[in-house]
Amino acid sequence: HPNHTDIVVEFIMTQTYDLGVY
């Protein structure tokens, strides 16, 4: 997978952490 996928995953993880679901 291209780096773009890694960026998207990292973005989702950041969003999840911000919501406190993590």
C-alpha atoms as a PDB file:
ATOM      1  CA  HIS A   1       0.000   0.000   0.000  1.00  0.00           C
ATOM      2  CA  PRO A   2       1.183   3.558  -0.684  1.00  0.00           C
ATOM      3  CA  ASN A   3       2.150   5.936   2.094  1.00  0.00           C
ATOM      4  CA  HIS A   4      -1.202   7.662   1.610  1.00  0.00           C
ATOM      5  CA  THR A   5      -2.877   4.689   3.292  1.00  0.00           C
ATOM      6  CA  ASP A   6      -0.542   4.981   6.278  1.00  0.00           C
ATOM      7  CA  ILE A   7      -1.389   8.671   6.563  1.00  0.00           C
ATOM      8  CA  VAL A   8      -5.116   7.904   6.498  1.00  0.00           C
ATOM      9  CA  VAL A   9      -4.739   5.227   9.179  1.00  0.00           C
ATOM     10  CA  GLU A  10      -2.700   7.572  11.351  1.00  0.00           C
ATOM     11  CA  PHE A  11      -5.331  10.279  10.871  1.00  0.00           C
ATOM     12  CA  ILE A  12      -8.118   7.885  11.895  1.00  0.00           C
ATOM     13  CA  MET A  13      -6.139   6.760  14.936  1.00  0.00           C
ATOM     14  CA  THR A  14      -5.657  10.403  15.932  1.00  0.00           C
ATOM     15  CA  GLN A  15      -9.358  11.105  15.522  1.00  0.00           C
ATOM     16  CA  THR A  16     -10.262   8.027  17.576  1.00  0.00           C
ATOM     17  CA  TYR A  17      -7.836   9.046  20.320  1.00  0.00           C
ATOM     18  CA  ASP A  18      -9.317  12.554  20.347  1.00  0.00           C
ATOM     19  CA  LEU A  19     -12.798  11.110  20.779  1.00  0.00           C
ATOM     20  CA  GLY A  20     -11.550   8.916  23.619  1.00  0.00           C
ATOM     21  CA  VAL A  21     -12.820   5.715  22.010  1.00  0.00           C
ATOM     22  CA  TYR A  22      -9.298   4.325  22.088  1.00  0.00           C
END
